[in-house]
């Protein structure tokens, strides 16, 4: 029996084109303390910056997925326009089910695209922002394979972000069709700079035409430059 796709009232009231953004955030035990506190501050900053931009507030659609606890990946904040987004307060504990989190994100993206099509709303390519500070603790290979295939098919743009010295860049690279070249290493715990870049990028992308290339700012302000 097929599931019924429930229409989103926001897509009826606001027919502006959308830019979907999925934040897939590691909330395992190793993120406890200062890392998750700064991550929460970064999310609050993202909320503030997007709401302050008249166009991005109406066009950026945000979904937050957190993964941790007992190999659990859950939606922490459901799809909504940036103008209605309230940054969730994340807590860190447990394991790192990266594969399950990415599979959930990809499924959510496809469902949201279907809602767009049903409502006759145009959209730009979704962004999947994957952040981790450690090794996956689940059978992550299937999720990585799905992610690479989706990116190669232009269904999503994936941005893996390595946090701290214990993040496995090789493994994170498996979740992008660009491999290790697609992974960015966060400088220290510069979540503020990262989320300022992300909000600025969303403001640019949300004003671009579907299928067009957007010129993004350099990531040098928050990422480690490879040597």
Protein backbone atom coordinates (compact mmCIF):
# COMPACT_ATOMS: atom_id res chain seq x y z
CA UNK A 1 0.00 0.00 0.00
CA UNK A 2 1.54 3.31 -1.10
CA UNK A 3 1.94 6.11 1.41
CA UNK A 4 0.01 9.33 0.92
CA UNK A 5 2.14 12.42 0.35
CA UNK A 6 0.80 15.13 2.68
CA UNK A 7 1.02 18.58 1.03
CA UNK A 8 3.00 21.26 2.84
CA UNK A 9 0.89 24.35 3.46
CA UNK A 10 4.00 26.54 3.11
CA UNK A 11 4.40 25.37 -0.50
CA UNK A 12 0.83 26.43 -1.24
CA UNK A 13 1.14 29.82 0.45
CA UNK A 14 4.62 30.55 -0.89
CA UNK A 15 5.31 29.43 -4.48
CA UNK A 16 8.83 30.90 -4.67
CA UNK A 17 11.49 28.48 -5.96
CA UNK A 18 13.27 26.60 -3.18
CA UNK A 19 16.82 25.64 -2.26
CA UNK A 20 16.73 22.55 0.01
CA UNK A 21 19.44 22.27 2.66
CA UNK A 22 19.86 19.14 4.79
CA UNK A 23 22.21 19.34 7.78
CA UNK A 24 23.37 15.85 8.82
CA UNK A 25 25.10 16.44 12.15
CA UNK A 26 27.23 14.10 14.26
CA UNK A 27 25.92 14.18 17.84
CA UNK A 28 27.89 11.21 19.13
CA UNK A 29 29.51 11.21 22.58
CA UNK A 30 32.81 12.60 21.28
CA UNK A 31 31.01 15.84 20.34
CA UNK A 32 29.99 16.45 23.96
CA UNK A 33 31.09 19.63 25.72
CA UNK A 34 32.52 22.54 23.75
CA UNK A 35 32.05 21.02 20.25
CA UNK A 36 28.27 20.56 20.52
CA UNK A 37 27.91 23.90 22.35
CA UNK A 38 29.64 25.70 19.47
CA UNK A 39 27.66 23.66 16.95
CA UNK A 40 24.43 24.87 18.58
CA UNK A 41 25.68 28.45 18.45
CA UNK A 42 26.44 27.96 14.76
CA UNK A 43 22.93 26.69 14.07
CA UNK A 44 21.43 29.69 15.87
CA UNK A 45 23.64 31.97 13.76
CA UNK A 46 22.48 30.22 10.57
CA UNK A 47 18.86 30.83 11.61
CA UNK A 48 19.56 34.53 12.26
CA UNK A 49 21.48 35.12 9.04
CA UNK A 50 18.96 33.42 6.75
CA UNK A 51 15.99 35.15 8.37
CA UNK A 52 17.70 38.51 7.84
CA UNK A 53 17.88 37.95 4.06
CA UNK A 54 14.49 38.67 2.47
CA UNK A 55 14.95 36.25 -0.44
CA UNK A 56 16.73 33.43 1.40
CA UNK A 57 14.12 33.53 4.18
CA UNK A 58 11.44 32.59 1.64
CA UNK A 59 13.45 30.24 -0.57
CA UNK A 60 15.80 28.16 1.59
CA UNK A 61 14.21 24.98 2.98
CA UNK A 62 16.01 23.41 5.95
CA UNK A 63 15.97 19.93 7.46
CA UNK A 64 18.20 18.94 10.40
CA UNK A 65 19.15 15.32 11.03
CA UNK A 66 21.17 14.36 14.10
CA UNK A 67 22.85 11.02 14.61
CA UNK A 68 24.20 9.44 17.78
CA UNK A 69 22.65 7.73 20.83
CA UNK A 70 22.28 3.96 20.22
CA UNK A 71 23.07 4.05 16.50
CA UNK A 72 20.08 6.33 15.90
CA UNK A 73 19.55 8.85 13.10
CA UNK A 74 16.52 11.09 13.63
CA UNK A 75 15.00 14.30 12.27
CA UNK A 76 15.75 17.04 14.81
CA UNK A 77 13.99 19.77 12.84
CA UNK A 78 11.58 18.96 10.01
CA UNK A 79 11.45 20.64 6.60
CA UNK A 80 10.54 24.31 6.84
CA UNK A 81 11.33 27.58 5.13
CA UNK A 82 14.17 29.57 6.68
CA UNK A 83 11.67 32.21 7.85
CA UNK A 84 10.02 29.53 10.03
CA UNK A 85 13.22 27.76 11.13
CA UNK A 86 14.08 27.55 14.81
CA UNK A 87 17.53 26.07 15.44
CA UNK A 88 17.22 22.90 17.54
CA UNK A 89 19.31 22.43 20.69
CA UNK A 90 21.39 19.34 20.06
CA UNK A 91 22.87 17.08 22.73
CA UNK A 92 25.80 14.74 22.19
CA UNK A 93 25.95 11.11 23.29
CA UNK A 94 26.36 7.60 21.96
CA UNK A 95 27.64 6.18 18.70
CA UNK A 96 28.15 7.40 15.11
CA UNK A 97 25.66 5.85 12.64
CA UNK A 98 26.79 7.92 9.66
CA UNK A 99 25.46 5.54 7.01
CA UNK A 100 21.95 5.47 8.46
CA UNK A 101 21.93 9.26 8.79
CA UNK A 102 22.87 9.77 5.14
CA UNK A 103 20.31 7.22 3.94
CA UNK A 104 17.62 9.05 5.93
CA UNK A 105 18.75 12.39 4.45
CA UNK A 106 18.63 11.10 0.87
CA UNK A 107 15.15 9.64 1.39
CA UNK A 108 13.92 12.93 2.89
CA UNK A 109 15.34 14.87 -0.06
CA UNK A 110 13.48 12.72 -2.60
CA UNK A 111 10.21 13.06 -0.66
CA UNK A 112 10.63 16.82 -0.52
CA UNK A 113 11.28 16.98 -4.26
CA UNK A 114 8.03 15.11 -4.80
CA UNK A 115 6.21 17.70 -2.68
CA UNK A 116 7.75 20.45 -4.82
CA UNK A 117 6.60 18.75 -8.02
CA UNK A 118 3.10 18.21 -6.63
CA UNK A 119 2.87 21.89 -5.63
CA UNK A 120 4.40 23.10 -8.91
CA UNK A 121 7.33 24.71 -7.09
CA UNK A 122 10.70 24.99 -8.85
CA UNK A 123 13.85 24.10 -6.92
CA UNK A 124 17.62 24.19 -7.19
CA UNK A 125 19.81 21.17 -6.48
CA UNK A 126 19.59 20.22 -2.79
CA UNK A 127 22.62 20.49 -0.52
CA UNK A 128 23.50 17.71 1.91
CA UNK A 129 25.88 18.97 4.58
CA UNK A 130 27.48 15.98 6.37
CA UNK A 131 29.47 16.68 9.52
CA UNK A 132 31.41 14.12 11.60
CA UNK A 133 34.23 14.03 14.14
CA UNK A 134 34.87 10.27 14.12
CA UNK A 135 34.47 6.85 12.56
CA UNK A 136 31.05 5.45 11.56
CA UNK A 137 29.85 2.73 13.91
CA UNK A 138 27.23 1.25 11.57
CA UNK A 139 27.39 -0.50 8.20
CA UNK A 140 27.91 2.77 6.39
CA UNK A 141 28.97 1.49 2.97
CA UNK A 142 25.45 1.28 1.56
CA UNK A 143 24.69 4.85 2.57
CA UNK A 144 27.96 6.01 1.03
CA UNK A 145 27.19 4.19 -2.22
CA UNK A 146 23.74 5.78 -2.38
CA UNK A 147 25.26 9.22 -1.71
CA UNK A 148 27.87 8.90 -4.47
CA UNK A 149 25.24 7.70 -6.97
CA UNK A 150 22.87 10.54 -6.08
CA UNK A 151 25.60 13.15 -6.46
CA UNK A 152 26.81 11.69 -9.76
CA UNK A 153 23.22 11.85 -11.03
CA UNK A 154 23.07 15.55 -10.05
CA UNK A 155 20.30 14.83 -7.53
CA UNK A 156 22.21 16.42 -4.65
CA UNK A 157 25.41 18.31 -3.83
CA UNK A 158 27.23 16.72 -0.88
CA UNK A 159 29.59 18.59 1.45
CA UNK A 160 31.39 16.31 3.95
CA UNK A 161 32.97 18.25 6.83
CA UNK A 162 35.60 16.66 9.09
CA UNK A 163 35.63 17.99 12.67
CA UNK A 164 38.66 17.51 14.90
CA UNK A 165 41.73 15.31 14.60
CA UNK A 166 39.90 11.99 14.87
CA UNK A 167 37.55 12.37 11.91
CA UNK A 168 38.29 9.82 9.18
CA UNK A 169 38.70 11.86 6.01
CA UNK A 170 39.08 8.73 3.86
CA UNK A 171 35.73 7.40 5.05
CA UNK A 172 33.98 10.78 4.75
CA UNK A 173 35.28 10.94 1.19
CA UNK A 174 33.33 7.77 0.41
CA UNK A 175 30.12 9.79 0.81
CA UNK A 176 31.00 12.12 -2.08
CA UNK A 177 31.55 11.42 -5.76
CA UNK A 178 34.62 13.69 -5.45
CA UNK A 179 36.20 11.40 -2.88
CA UNK A 180 38.69 12.94 -0.45
CA UNK A 181 38.84 16.08 -2.62
CA UNK A 182 35.26 16.78 -1.59
CA UNK A 183 36.00 16.71 2.15
CA UNK A 184 36.70 19.93 4.06
CA UNK A 185 38.55 19.87 7.38
CA UNK A 186 37.23 22.37 9.92
CA UNK A 187 39.87 24.63 11.45
CA UNK A 188 39.72 23.89 15.15
CA UNK A 189 36.14 24.45 16.24
CA UNK A 190 35.35 27.36 13.95
CA UNK A 191 31.67 26.53 13.62
CA UNK A 192 30.77 30.23 13.59
CA UNK A 193 32.86 30.87 10.47
CA UNK A 194 31.52 27.68 8.86
CA UNK A 195 27.88 28.62 9.37
CA UNK A 196 28.47 32.21 8.23
CA UNK A 197 29.89 30.75 4.98
CA UNK A 198 26.95 28.36 4.68
CA UNK A 199 24.36 31.09 5.17
CA UNK A 200 26.11 33.32 2.63
CA UNK A 201 26.23 30.39 0.17
CA UNK A 202 22.52 29.72 0.65
CA UNK A 203 21.76 33.37 -0.01
CA UNK A 204 23.66 33.16 -3.32
CA UNK A 205 22.24 29.80 -4.41
CA UNK A 206 18.66 30.74 -3.53
CA UNK A 207 18.89 33.63 -6.02
CA UNK A 208 20.26 31.48 -8.85
CA UNK A 209 18.16 29.81 -11.53
CA UNK A 210 17.60 26.04 -11.24
CA UNK A 211 20.47 24.30 -13.05
CA UNK A 212 22.71 27.40 -13.04
CA UNK A 213 26.18 27.46 -11.48
CA UNK A 214 26.48 29.70 -8.42
CA UNK A 215 29.76 31.42 -7.49
CA UNK A 216 30.47 30.56 -3.86
CA UNK A 217 32.90 32.29 -1.51
CA UNK A 218 36.19 30.65 -0.56
CA UNK A 219 36.16 28.19 2.34
CA UNK A 220 39.65 29.28 3.48
CA UNK A 221 38.19 31.21 6.43
CA UNK A 222 37.08 28.03 8.20
CA UNK A 223 38.73 25.04 6.52
CA UNK A 224 42.27 23.69 6.66
CA UNK A 225 44.14 24.20 3.39
CA UNK A 226 45.57 20.92 2.12
CA UNK A 227 49.31 20.89 1.51
